[in-house]
Amino acid sequence: MKSLLQRSLSESMPYPVYYELMEKLVEVGKTTGPNQSESMVHYTKMNLQRMKRLGKKANIQPALIEAFAALPGQYIWLVITESWCGDAAQIVPVFDAIVKELPNTEMSLVLRDELPELMDEFLTNGARAIPKLIILEKDTLEVVTTWGARPTPAQELVNAYKADPNPPPYSEFSVTLQKWYNKDKTVTTQAELLDLAASLAAIA
């Protein structure tokens, strides 16, 4: 596992580079990953707009910053993502806003489809769901904990969609999911991350 994490980090990028990559992809009408369909390119374009909006308006709770800053040690937040992922567009900017305030933490991002062996170590209910947050001890690369791929209410929406014997087209469902994120305004994501920080503090 350590060698896989080392290789993943060597191929990772900081958030500003990931954001710039998305800008360049939108300019040329492309997306990350092997699927370069019109719909996936469209999702990347929409996600860049969402990330831009969240980057300006993300209101991170001070208690959340304080909780992670108080943890002993140095950490790396390794995030598995893709530009076309609507969940990632609503969540990864929150990660970035938090980590920017943490002197003991840095964040690196990797693309799921470029490192499938890493993704397969961190499945969600057997699925390659993203974004996936992997918190590592910086010195040892020990996996401290993971979170993702999405807040519990959003995951319940996804589970219900997958269980529906006659589901609507995914394009329709994705609108429903994005409406949930927009209404929630990152509150649930932050609450779950605060719980995660509390659980880490309890075992530190």
N, C-alpha and C. Protein backbone atom coordinates (compact mmCIF):
# COMPACT_ATOMS: atom_id res chain seq x y z
N MET A 1 0.83 -1.21 0.00
CA MET A 1 0.00 0.00 0.00
C MET A 1 0.86 1.26 0.00
N LYS A 2 1.95 1.24 0.80
CA LYS A 2 2.78 2.44 0.88
C LYS A 2 3.38 2.81 -0.46
N SER A 3 3.83 1.81 -1.21
CA SER A 3 4.41 2.10 -2.52
C SER A 3 3.36 2.65 -3.48
N LEU A 4 2.13 2.16 -3.37
CA LEU A 4 1.05 2.67 -4.20
C LEU A 4 0.74 4.12 -3.85
N LEU A 5 0.72 4.42 -2.56
CA LEU A 5 0.47 5.80 -2.13
C LEU A 5 1.60 6.72 -2.55
N GLN A 6 2.83 6.24 -2.46
CA GLN A 6 3.97 7.05 -2.90
C GLN A 6 3.88 7.37 -4.38
N ARG A 7 3.54 6.36 -5.17
CA ARG A 7 3.39 6.59 -6.61
C ARG A 7 2.23 7.53 -6.91
N SER A 8 1.14 7.36 -6.17
CA SER A 8 -0.02 8.22 -6.37
C SER A 8 0.32 9.67 -6.05
N LEU A 9 1.04 9.89 -4.98
CA LEU A 9 1.43 11.25 -4.61
C LEU A 9 2.39 11.84 -5.63
N SER A 10 3.26 11.00 -6.21
CA SER A 10 4.19 11.50 -7.22
C SER A 10 3.47 11.94 -8.48
N GLU A 11 2.27 11.40 -8.72
CA GLU A 11 1.48 11.75 -9.89
C GLU A 11 0.35 12.72 -9.56
N SER A 12 0.32 13.21 -8.33
CA SER A 12 -0.77 14.08 -7.88
C SER A 12 -0.52 15.53 -8.25
N MET A 13 -1.50 16.36 -7.99
CA MET A 13 -1.40 17.79 -8.27
C MET A 13 -2.09 18.58 -7.16
N PRO A 14 -1.62 19.79 -6.87
CA PRO A 14 -2.32 20.64 -5.91
C PRO A 14 -3.60 21.18 -6.52
N TYR A 15 -4.48 21.69 -5.68
CA TYR A 15 -5.78 22.15 -6.15
C TYR A 15 -5.68 23.22 -7.24
N PRO A 16 -4.81 24.24 -7.11
CA PRO A 16 -4.75 25.25 -8.18
C PRO A 16 -4.40 24.67 -9.54
N VAL A 17 -3.55 23.64 -9.57
CA VAL A 17 -3.20 23.00 -10.83
C VAL A 17 -4.39 22.22 -11.39
N TYR A 18 -5.12 21.55 -10.51
CA TYR A 18 -6.33 20.84 -10.92
C TYR A 18 -7.36 21.81 -11.49
N TYR A 19 -7.53 22.94 -10.84
CA TYR A 19 -8.49 23.95 -11.30
C TYR A 19 -8.05 24.49 -12.66
N GLU A 20 -6.77 24.74 -12.83
CA GLU A 20 -6.25 25.23 -14.10
C GLU A 20 -6.43 24.18 -15.20
N LEU A 21 -6.24 22.92 -14.85
CA LEU A 21 -6.47 21.83 -15.80
C LEU A 21 -7.90 21.86 -16.31
N MET A 22 -8.84 22.04 -15.39
CA MET A 22 -10.25 22.10 -15.79
C MET A 22 -10.52 23.29 -16.71
N GLU A 23 -9.92 24.41 -16.40
CA GLU A 23 -10.09 25.59 -17.27
C GLU A 23 -9.60 25.30 -18.68
N LYS A 24 -8.45 24.65 -18.78
CA LYS A 24 -7.89 24.33 -20.10
C LYS A 24 -8.75 23.32 -20.84
N LEU A 25 -9.27 22.35 -20.10
CA LEU A 25 -10.15 21.35 -20.72
C LEU A 25 -11.42 22.00 -21.27
N VAL A 26 -11.99 22.90 -20.50
CA VAL A 26 -13.21 23.59 -20.96
C VAL A 26 -12.92 24.41 -22.21
N GLU A 27 -11.77 25.03 -22.24
CA GLU A 27 -11.40 25.86 -23.41
C GLU A 27 -11.36 25.04 -24.69
N VAL A 28 -10.89 23.80 -24.59
CA VAL A 28 -10.73 22.97 -25.79
C VAL A 28 -11.84 21.94 -25.95
N GLY A 29 -12.86 22.00 -25.08
CA GLY A 29 -13.99 21.10 -25.20
C GLY A 29 -13.68 19.65 -24.87
N LYS A 30 -12.91 19.46 -23.80
CA LYS A 30 -12.57 18.11 -23.38
C LYS A 30 -12.85 17.93 -21.90
N THR A 31 -12.62 16.71 -21.42
CA THR A 31 -12.79 16.38 -20.01
C THR A 31 -11.68 15.44 -19.59
N THR A 32 -11.59 15.11 -18.32
CA THR A 32 -10.63 14.10 -17.88
C THR A 32 -11.21 12.71 -18.14
N GLY A 33 -10.34 11.72 -18.17
CA GLY A 33 -10.79 10.36 -18.33
C GLY A 33 -10.96 9.96 -19.78
N PRO A 34 -11.19 8.67 -20.02
CA PRO A 34 -11.29 8.16 -21.39
C PRO A 34 -12.59 8.51 -22.10
N ASN A 35 -13.65 8.80 -21.34
CA ASN A 35 -14.95 9.09 -21.94
C ASN A 35 -15.02 10.57 -22.31
N GLN A 36 -14.87 10.86 -23.59
CA GLN A 36 -14.88 12.24 -24.07
C GLN A 36 -16.21 12.59 -24.76
N SER A 37 -17.29 11.99 -24.27
CA SER A 37 -18.61 12.23 -24.86
C SER A 37 -19.05 13.67 -24.61
N GLU A 38 -20.03 14.09 -25.38
CA GLU A 38 -20.56 15.45 -25.26
C GLU A 38 -21.10 15.70 -23.85
N SER A 39 -21.74 14.70 -23.27
CA SER A 39 -22.32 14.89 -21.94
C SER A 39 -21.23 15.05 -20.89
N MET A 40 -20.16 14.27 -20.99
CA MET A 40 -19.09 14.38 -20.00
C MET A 40 -18.36 15.71 -20.13
N VAL A 41 -18.17 16.18 -21.35
CA VAL A 41 -17.57 17.50 -21.56
C VAL A 41 -18.46 18.58 -20.97
N HIS A 42 -19.78 18.43 -21.15
CA HIS A 42 -20.73 19.39 -20.60
C HIS A 42 -20.66 19.40 -19.07
N TYR A 43 -20.56 18.22 -18.46
CA TYR A 43 -20.47 18.16 -17.00
C TYR A 43 -19.22 18.90 -16.50
N THR A 44 -18.12 18.75 -17.20
CA THR A 44 -16.89 19.44 -16.79
C THR A 44 -17.08 20.95 -16.85
N LYS A 45 -17.73 21.41 -17.89
CA LYS A 45 -17.98 22.85 -18.02
C LYS A 45 -18.85 23.35 -16.87
N MET A 46 -19.92 22.61 -16.56
CA MET A 46 -20.79 23.00 -15.46
C MET A 46 -20.06 22.94 -14.12
N ASN A 47 -19.22 21.94 -13.96
CA ASN A 47 -18.50 21.77 -12.69
C ASN A 47 -17.50 22.89 -12.45
N LEU A 48 -16.88 23.38 -13.50
CA LEU A 48 -15.97 24.50 -13.35
C LEU A 48 -16.72 25.73 -12.82
N GLN A 49 -17.92 25.95 -13.32
CA GLN A 49 -18.74 27.07 -12.84
C GLN A 49 -19.11 26.88 -11.37
N ARG A 50 -19.44 25.65 -10.99
CA ARG A 50 -19.79 25.37 -9.60
C ARG A 50 -18.58 25.59 -8.69
N MET A 51 -17.43 25.13 -9.11
CA MET A 51 -16.22 25.30 -8.31
C MET A 51 -15.85 26.76 -8.17
N LYS A 52 -16.03 27.51 -9.23
CA LYS A 52 -15.73 28.95 -9.19
C LYS A 52 -16.65 29.64 -8.19
N ARG A 53 -17.92 29.27 -8.22
CA ARG A 53 -18.89 29.87 -7.30
C ARG A 53 -18.57 29.50 -5.85
N LEU A 54 -18.27 28.22 -5.61
CA LEU A 54 -17.96 27.79 -4.25
C LEU A 54 -16.66 28.40 -3.75
N GLY A 55 -15.72 28.59 -4.65
CA GLY A 55 -14.46 29.20 -4.26
C GLY A 55 -14.63 30.60 -3.73
N LYS A 56 -15.67 31.28 -4.20
CA LYS A 56 -15.94 32.64 -3.75
C LYS A 56 -16.86 32.68 -2.54
N LYS A 57 -17.74 31.67 -2.41
CA LYS A 57 -18.79 31.75 -1.41
C LYS A 57 -18.72 30.69 -0.32
N ALA A 58 -17.74 29.79 -0.39
CA ALA A 58 -17.67 28.75 0.63
C ALA A 58 -17.48 29.36 2.01
N ASN A 59 -18.45 29.12 2.88
CA ASN A 59 -18.43 29.68 4.23
C ASN A 59 -18.08 28.58 5.21
N ILE A 60 -16.78 28.42 5.47
CA ILE A 60 -16.31 27.32 6.31
C ILE A 60 -16.46 27.69 7.78
N GLN A 61 -17.04 26.76 8.56
CA GLN A 61 -17.24 27.00 9.99
C GLN A 61 -15.88 27.10 10.69
N PRO A 62 -15.69 28.13 11.50
CA PRO A 62 -14.42 28.23 12.25
C PRO A 62 -14.14 27.00 13.10
N ALA A 63 -15.19 26.39 13.65
CA ALA A 63 -15.00 25.21 14.49
C ALA A 63 -14.38 24.06 13.70
N LEU A 64 -14.68 23.99 12.42
CA LEU A 64 -14.13 22.92 11.58
C LEU A 64 -12.64 23.13 11.38
N ILE A 65 -12.24 24.35 11.10
CA ILE A 65 -10.82 24.67 10.95
C ILE A 65 -10.09 24.38 12.26
N GLU A 66 -10.66 24.82 13.36
CA GLU A 66 -10.03 24.64 14.67
C GLU A 66 -9.86 23.16 15.01
N ALA A 67 -10.85 22.37 14.65
CA ALA A 67 -10.81 20.94 14.99
C ALA A 67 -9.68 20.23 14.25
N PHE A 68 -9.53 20.51 12.97
CA PHE A 68 -8.45 19.85 12.22
C PHE A 68 -7.09 20.44 12.58
N ALA A 69 -7.04 21.74 12.83
CA ALA A 69 -5.76 22.38 13.19
C ALA A 69 -5.24 21.86 14.52
N ALA A 70 -6.13 21.44 15.39
CA ALA A 70 -5.74 20.98 16.72
C ALA A 70 -5.18 19.56 16.73
N LEU A 71 -5.35 18.84 15.62
CA LEU A 71 -4.85 17.46 15.58
C LEU A 71 -3.32 17.45 15.59
N PRO A 72 -2.73 16.54 16.35
CA PRO A 72 -1.27 16.47 16.37
C PRO A 72 -0.73 15.86 15.08
N GLY A 73 0.46 16.23 14.71
CA GLY A 73 1.08 15.64 13.53
C GLY A 73 0.85 16.45 12.27
N GLN A 74 1.41 15.93 11.17
CA GLN A 74 1.30 16.54 9.85
C GLN A 74 0.52 15.59 8.94
N TYR A 75 -0.31 16.15 8.08
CA TYR A 75 -1.21 15.31 7.28
C TYR A 75 -1.20 15.68 5.80
N ILE A 76 -1.54 14.69 4.99
CA ILE A 76 -1.82 14.91 3.57
C ILE A 76 -3.25 14.45 3.31
N TRP A 77 -4.03 15.33 2.70
CA TRP A 77 -5.36 14.94 2.21
C TRP A 77 -5.19 14.55 0.76
N LEU A 78 -5.25 13.26 0.49
CA LEU A 78 -5.16 12.75 -0.88
C LEU A 78 -6.58 12.55 -1.39
N VAL A 79 -6.92 13.23 -2.46
CA VAL A 79 -8.29 13.23 -2.97
C VAL A 79 -8.34 12.61 -4.36
N ILE A 80 -9.19 11.62 -4.52
CA ILE A 80 -9.42 11.01 -5.83
C ILE A 80 -10.62 11.70 -6.46
N THR A 81 -10.46 12.17 -7.68
CA THR A 81 -11.50 12.97 -8.31
C THR A 81 -11.47 12.82 -9.82
N GLU A 82 -12.38 13.49 -10.51
CA GLU A 82 -12.38 13.65 -11.97
C GLU A 82 -13.13 14.94 -12.27
N SER A 83 -12.80 15.57 -13.38
CA SER A 83 -13.40 16.87 -13.69
C SER A 83 -14.89 16.78 -13.98
N TRP A 84 -15.35 15.62 -14.47
CA TRP A 84 -16.76 15.48 -14.86
C TRP A 84 -17.67 15.16 -13.68
N CYS A 85 -17.10 14.91 -12.50
CA CYS A 85 -17.88 14.45 -11.35
C CYS A 85 -18.59 15.61 -10.66
N GLY A 86 -19.91 15.60 -10.69
CA GLY A 86 -20.70 16.66 -10.07
C GLY A 86 -20.55 16.71 -8.56
N ASP A 87 -20.41 15.54 -7.93
CA ASP A 87 -20.19 15.52 -6.48
C ASP A 87 -18.85 16.18 -6.14
N ALA A 88 -17.83 15.88 -6.90
CA ALA A 88 -16.51 16.46 -6.65
C ALA A 88 -16.55 17.98 -6.76
N ALA A 89 -17.30 18.49 -7.72
CA ALA A 89 -17.37 19.94 -7.90
C ALA A 89 -17.98 20.63 -6.69
N GLN A 90 -18.86 19.93 -5.97
CA GLN A 90 -19.51 20.50 -4.80
C GLN A 90 -18.72 20.26 -3.51
N ILE A 91 -17.75 19.37 -3.54
CA ILE A 91 -17.08 18.95 -2.31
C ILE A 91 -15.61 19.34 -2.28
N VAL A 92 -14.90 19.14 -3.38
CA VAL A 92 -13.45 19.40 -3.38
C VAL A 92 -13.12 20.86 -3.06
N PRO A 93 -13.90 21.86 -3.53
CA PRO A 93 -13.60 23.23 -3.11
C PRO A 93 -13.73 23.44 -1.60
N VAL A 94 -14.58 22.65 -0.94
CA VAL A 94 -14.69 22.71 0.52
C VAL A 94 -13.40 22.19 1.15
N PHE A 95 -12.91 21.06 0.62
CA PHE A 95 -11.62 20.54 1.10
C PHE A 95 -10.54 21.61 0.97
N ASP A 96 -10.49 22.24 -0.19
CA ASP A 96 -9.45 23.24 -0.45
C ASP A 96 -9.56 24.41 0.53
N ALA A 97 -10.77 24.88 0.76
CA ALA A 97 -10.97 26.02 1.67
C ALA A 97 -10.53 25.67 3.09
N ILE A 98 -10.73 24.43 3.50
CA ILE A 98 -10.32 24.00 4.83
C ILE A 98 -8.80 23.90 4.91
N VAL A 99 -8.21 23.17 3.97
CA VAL A 99 -6.77 22.90 4.02
C VAL A 99 -5.95 24.17 3.93
N LYS A 100 -6.43 25.16 3.20
CA LYS A 100 -5.70 26.42 3.09
C LYS A 100 -5.52 27.10 4.44
N GLU A 101 -6.37 26.75 5.40
CA GLU A 101 -6.30 27.35 6.73
C GLU A 101 -5.54 26.49 7.73
N LEU A 102 -5.02 25.35 7.28
CA LEU A 102 -4.39 24.40 8.20
C LEU A 102 -2.87 24.38 8.01
N PRO A 103 -2.12 24.81 8.99
CA PRO A 103 -0.66 24.78 8.87
C PRO A 103 -0.08 23.38 8.90
N ASN A 104 -0.86 22.41 9.38
CA ASN A 104 -0.36 21.05 9.52
C ASN A 104 -0.83 20.11 8.42
N THR A 105 -1.44 20.65 7.37
CA THR A 105 -2.07 19.79 6.35
C THR A 105 -1.86 20.36 4.95
N GLU A 106 -1.65 19.46 3.99
CA GLU A 106 -1.61 19.84 2.58
C GLU A 106 -2.53 18.90 1.80
N MET A 107 -2.92 19.31 0.61
CA MET A 107 -3.84 18.49 -0.18
C MET A 107 -3.26 18.22 -1.56
N SER A 108 -3.43 16.98 -2.01
CA SER A 108 -3.03 16.59 -3.36
C SER A 108 -4.19 15.84 -4.00
N LEU A 109 -4.34 16.03 -5.31
CA LEU A 109 -5.44 15.39 -6.03
C LEU A 109 -4.91 14.48 -7.12
N VAL A 110 -5.59 13.36 -7.29
CA VAL A 110 -5.27 12.43 -8.37
C VAL A 110 -6.54 12.11 -9.14
N LEU A 111 -6.38 11.75 -10.40
CA LEU A 111 -7.52 11.41 -11.24
C LEU A 111 -7.81 9.92 -11.14
N ARG A 112 -9.04 9.61 -10.88
CA ARG A 112 -9.45 8.23 -10.64
C ARG A 112 -9.03 7.28 -11.76
N ASP A 113 -9.31 7.67 -12.99
CA ASP A 113 -9.11 6.74 -14.10
C ASP A 113 -7.65 6.62 -14.52
N GLU A 114 -6.79 7.46 -13.96
CA GLU A 114 -5.36 7.31 -14.20
C GLU A 114 -4.71 6.42 -13.16
N LEU A 115 -5.39 6.19 -12.03
CA LEU A 115 -4.86 5.35 -10.96
C LEU A 115 -5.95 4.39 -10.46
N PRO A 116 -6.44 3.51 -11.33
CA PRO A 116 -7.53 2.61 -10.91
C PRO A 116 -7.16 1.72 -9.75
N GLU A 117 -5.87 1.35 -9.64
CA GLU A 117 -5.47 0.47 -8.53
C GLU A 117 -5.58 1.18 -7.19
N LEU A 118 -5.37 2.50 -7.17
CA LEU A 118 -5.59 3.26 -5.94
C LEU A 118 -7.08 3.32 -5.63
N MET A 119 -7.88 3.63 -6.63
CA MET A 119 -9.32 3.72 -6.43
C MET A 119 -9.87 2.41 -5.88
N ASP A 120 -9.37 1.30 -6.39
CA ASP A 120 -9.90 0.00 -5.97
C ASP A 120 -9.56 -0.35 -4.53
N GLU A 121 -8.63 0.37 -3.93
CA GLU A 121 -8.33 0.19 -2.51
C GLU A 121 -9.30 0.97 -1.62
N PHE A 122 -10.06 1.88 -2.23
CA PHE A 122 -10.91 2.77 -1.44
C PHE A 122 -12.31 2.88 -2.05
N LEU A 123 -12.91 1.74 -2.30
CA LEU A 123 -14.24 1.70 -2.89
C LEU A 123 -15.30 2.11 -1.87
N THR A 124 -16.43 2.57 -2.37
CA THR A 124 -17.59 2.89 -1.53
C THR A 124 -18.72 1.94 -1.91
N ASN A 125 -19.06 1.05 -1.02
CA ASN A 125 -20.09 0.04 -1.30
C ASN A 125 -19.78 -0.72 -2.59
N GLY A 126 -18.50 -0.99 -2.79
CA GLY A 126 -18.06 -1.74 -3.96
C GLY A 126 -17.95 -0.93 -5.23
N ALA A 127 -18.20 0.37 -5.15
CA ALA A 127 -18.19 1.21 -6.35
C ALA A 127 -17.02 2.18 -6.33
N ARG A 128 -16.56 2.57 -7.51
CA ARG A 128 -15.48 3.53 -7.66
C ARG A 128 -16.02 4.97 -7.55
N ALA A 129 -16.67 5.25 -6.44
CA ALA A 129 -17.34 6.53 -6.24
C ALA A 129 -16.35 7.61 -5.83
N ILE A 130 -16.53 8.78 -6.41
CA ILE A 130 -15.68 9.92 -6.10
C ILE A 130 -16.53 11.16 -5.85
N PRO A 131 -15.94 12.14 -5.13
CA PRO A 131 -14.56 12.21 -4.64
C PRO A 131 -14.36 11.34 -3.41
N LYS A 132 -13.14 10.88 -3.25
CA LYS A 132 -12.77 10.09 -2.08
C LYS A 132 -11.62 10.78 -1.39
N LEU A 133 -11.81 11.10 -0.12
CA LEU A 133 -10.78 11.74 0.68
C LEU A 133 -10.05 10.67 1.50
N ILE A 134 -8.73 10.64 1.35
CA ILE A 134 -7.88 9.73 2.11
C ILE A 134 -6.93 10.59 2.93
N ILE A 135 -7.04 10.53 4.23
CA ILE A 135 -6.17 11.33 5.09
C ILE A 135 -4.99 10.47 5.51
N LEU A 136 -3.78 10.96 5.22
CA LEU A 136 -2.55 10.23 5.47
C LEU A 136 -1.68 10.96 6.49
N GLU A 137 -0.96 10.19 7.29
CA GLU A 137 0.14 10.75 8.07
C GLU A 137 1.23 11.14 7.08
N LYS A 138 1.69 12.37 7.14
CA LYS A 138 2.65 12.83 6.14
C LYS A 138 3.95 12.06 6.18
N ASP A 139 4.45 11.77 7.35
CA ASP A 139 5.76 11.13 7.48
C ASP A 139 5.75 9.66 7.10
N THR A 140 4.69 8.96 7.48
CA THR A 140 4.65 7.50 7.29
C THR A 140 3.76 7.06 6.14
N LEU A 141 2.89 7.95 5.67
CA LEU A 141 1.86 7.64 4.67
C LEU A 141 0.87 6.59 5.18
N GLU A 142 0.78 6.48 6.48
CA GLU A 142 -0.25 5.61 7.07
C GLU A 142 -1.62 6.23 6.81
N VAL A 143 -2.57 5.41 6.42
CA VAL A 143 -3.94 5.88 6.21
C VAL A 143 -4.60 6.08 7.56
N VAL A 144 -4.93 7.33 7.87
CA VAL A 144 -5.55 7.66 9.14
C VAL A 144 -7.05 7.39 9.09
N THR A 145 -7.68 7.87 8.03
CA THR A 145 -9.12 7.65 7.85
C THR A 145 -9.48 8.05 6.42
N THR A 146 -10.72 7.78 6.04
CA THR A 146 -11.22 8.17 4.72
C THR A 146 -12.61 8.78 4.87
N TRP A 147 -13.02 9.51 3.85
CA TRP A 147 -14.38 10.05 3.82
C TRP A 147 -14.81 10.10 2.36
N GLY A 148 -16.10 9.92 2.15
CA GLY A 148 -16.65 10.03 0.81
C GLY A 148 -17.41 8.78 0.44
N ALA A 149 -18.00 8.82 -0.70
CA ALA A 149 -17.74 9.81 -1.73
C ALA A 149 -18.64 11.05 -1.65
N ARG A 150 -19.63 11.02 -0.80
CA ARG A 150 -20.55 12.16 -0.74
C ARG A 150 -21.23 12.15 0.63
N PRO A 151 -21.84 13.28 1.04
CA PRO A 151 -22.55 13.32 2.33
C PRO A 151 -23.69 12.29 2.36
N THR A 152 -24.03 11.85 3.55
CA THR A 152 -25.01 10.77 3.70
C THR A 152 -26.33 11.02 2.97
N PRO A 153 -26.97 12.20 3.08
CA PRO A 153 -28.23 12.39 2.37
C PRO A 153 -28.07 12.28 0.85
N ALA A 154 -26.96 12.76 0.33
CA ALA A 154 -26.71 12.65 -1.11
C ALA A 154 -26.49 11.19 -1.49
N GLN A 155 -25.77 10.46 -0.63
CA GLN A 155 -25.55 9.04 -0.89
C GLN A 155 -26.87 8.28 -0.88
N GLU A 156 -27.77 8.66 0.01
CA GLU A 156 -29.09 8.00 0.05
C GLU A 156 -29.87 8.25 -1.24
N LEU A 157 -29.74 9.44 -1.79
CA LEU A 157 -30.37 9.72 -3.09
C LEU A 157 -29.81 8.81 -4.18
N VAL A 158 -28.48 8.65 -4.17
CA VAL A 158 -27.82 7.80 -5.16
C VAL A 158 -28.25 6.35 -4.97
N ASN A 159 -28.29 5.89 -3.73
CA ASN A 159 -28.70 4.51 -3.46
C ASN A 159 -30.12 4.25 -3.95
N ALA A 160 -31.02 5.20 -3.71
CA ALA A 160 -32.41 5.04 -4.14
C ALA A 160 -32.49 5.02 -5.67
N TYR A 161 -31.69 5.85 -6.32
CA TYR A 161 -31.67 5.88 -7.78
C TYR A 161 -31.21 4.53 -8.33
N LYS A 162 -30.15 3.98 -7.73
CA LYS A 162 -29.62 2.70 -8.21
C LYS A 162 -30.58 1.55 -7.95
N ALA A 163 -31.38 1.68 -6.89
CA ALA A 163 -32.32 0.62 -6.54
C ALA A 163 -33.62 0.70 -7.32
N ASP A 164 -33.87 1.82 -7.96
CA ASP A 164 -35.11 2.01 -8.72
C ASP A 164 -35.11 1.08 -9.94
N PRO A 165 -36.13 0.22 -10.06
CA PRO A 165 -36.17 -0.69 -11.22
C PRO A 165 -36.42 0.04 -12.54
N ASN A 166 -36.99 1.23 -12.46
CA ASN A 166 -37.24 2.02 -13.67
C ASN A 166 -36.75 3.46 -13.44
N PRO A 167 -35.45 3.63 -13.32
CA PRO A 167 -34.92 4.96 -12.99
C PRO A 167 -35.04 5.92 -14.18
N PRO A 168 -35.13 7.21 -13.90
CA PRO A 168 -35.10 8.20 -14.97
C PRO A 168 -33.69 8.24 -15.56
N PRO A 169 -33.51 8.89 -16.69
CA PRO A 169 -32.16 9.03 -17.24
C PRO A 169 -31.23 9.69 -16.22
N TYR A 170 -29.97 9.30 -16.25
CA TYR A 170 -29.04 9.86 -15.25
C TYR A 170 -28.95 11.37 -15.36
N SER A 171 -29.11 11.90 -16.56
CA SER A 171 -29.04 13.35 -16.73
C SER A 171 -30.11 14.05 -15.90
N GLU A 172 -31.28 13.41 -15.76
CA GLU A 172 -32.35 13.98 -14.92
C GLU A 172 -32.02 13.82 -13.44
N PHE A 173 -31.52 12.65 -13.09
CA PHE A 173 -31.17 12.42 -11.69
C PHE A 173 -30.05 13.36 -11.24
N SER A 174 -29.08 13.63 -12.10
CA SER A 174 -27.97 14.49 -11.72
C SER A 174 -28.46 15.89 -11.38
N VAL A 175 -29.53 16.34 -12.04
CA VAL A 175 -30.11 17.64 -11.72
C VAL A 175 -30.69 17.62 -10.31
N THR A 176 -31.39 16.53 -9.97
CA THR A 176 -31.95 16.38 -8.62
C THR A 176 -30.85 16.41 -7.58
N LEU A 177 -29.76 15.71 -7.86
CA LEU A 177 -28.64 15.64 -6.92
C LEU A 177 -27.99 17.01 -6.74
N GLN A 178 -27.81 17.73 -7.83
CA GLN A 178 -27.20 19.06 -7.75
C GLN A 178 -28.11 20.04 -7.01
N LYS A 179 -29.41 19.88 -7.17
CA LYS A 179 -30.35 20.74 -6.43
C LYS A 179 -30.21 20.51 -4.93
N TRP A 180 -29.97 19.24 -4.55
CA TRP A 180 -29.76 18.97 -3.11
C TRP A 180 -28.51 19.69 -2.63
N TYR A 181 -27.43 19.58 -3.37
CA TYR A 181 -26.19 20.26 -2.97
C TYR A 181 -26.39 21.77 -2.87
N ASN A 182 -27.05 22.34 -3.85
CA ASN A 182 -27.25 23.80 -3.85
C ASN A 182 -28.09 24.26 -2.66
N LYS A 183 -29.09 23.46 -2.30
CA LYS A 183 -29.94 23.80 -1.16
C LYS A 183 -29.17 23.62 0.15
N ASP A 184 -28.33 22.61 0.22
CA ASP A 184 -27.61 22.30 1.45
C ASP A 184 -26.48 23.30 1.74
N LYS A 185 -25.92 23.89 0.69
CA LYS A 185 -24.87 24.93 0.83
C LYS A 185 -23.67 24.44 1.64
N THR A 186 -23.27 23.20 1.44
CA THR A 186 -22.10 22.54 2.04
C THR A 186 -22.25 22.29 3.55
N VAL A 187 -23.42 22.56 4.12
CA VAL A 187 -23.60 22.41 5.57
C VAL A 187 -23.38 20.96 6.01
N THR A 188 -23.97 20.01 5.28
CA THR A 188 -23.85 18.61 5.68
C THR A 188 -22.43 18.11 5.49
N THR A 189 -21.80 18.48 4.39
CA THR A 189 -20.40 18.09 4.17
C THR A 189 -19.54 18.57 5.32
N GLN A 190 -19.70 19.82 5.70
CA GLN A 190 -18.89 20.36 6.80
C GLN A 190 -19.21 19.67 8.12
N ALA A 191 -20.47 19.36 8.36
CA ALA A 191 -20.85 18.68 9.60
C ALA A 191 -20.22 17.29 9.69
N GLU A 192 -20.21 16.58 8.57
CA GLU A 192 -19.62 15.25 8.57
C GLU A 192 -18.10 15.32 8.73
N LEU A 193 -17.48 16.32 8.14
CA LEU A 193 -16.04 16.49 8.31
C LEU A 193 -15.70 16.89 9.75
N LEU A 194 -16.57 17.66 10.37
CA LEU A 194 -16.36 18.01 11.78
C LEU A 194 -16.45 16.77 12.65
N ASP A 195 -17.40 15.90 12.37
CA ASP A 195 -17.49 14.62 13.09
C ASP A 195 -16.23 13.78 12.86
N LEU A 196 -15.71 13.83 11.63
CA LEU A 196 -14.51 13.08 11.31
C LEU A 196 -13.32 13.60 12.13
N ALA A 197 -13.20 14.92 12.23
CA ALA A 197 -12.13 15.52 13.03
C ALA A 197 -12.26 15.12 14.49
N ALA A 198 -13.49 15.09 14.99
CA ALA A 198 -13.71 14.71 16.38
C ALA A 198 -13.31 13.28 16.64
N SER A 199 -13.61 12.39 15.70
CA SER A 199 -13.24 10.99 15.87
C SER A 199 -11.72 10.81 15.83
N LEU A 200 -11.03 11.62 15.01
CA LEU A 200 -9.57 11.56 14.97
C LEU A 200 -8.96 12.08 16.26
N ALA A 201 -9.55 13.13 16.79
CA ALA A 201 -9.07 13.69 18.05
C ALA A 201 -9.21 12.70 19.19
N ALA A 202 -10.27 11.90 19.13
CA ALA A 202 -10.53 10.94 20.20
C ALA A 202 -9.51 9.82 20.25
N ILE A 203 -8.88 9.53 19.11
CA ILE A 203 -7.91 8.43 19.08
C ILE A 203 -6.48 8.94 19.00
N ALA A 204 -6.32 10.27 18.91
CA ALA A 204 -4.96 10.84 18.77
C ALA A 204 -4.16 10.66 20.05
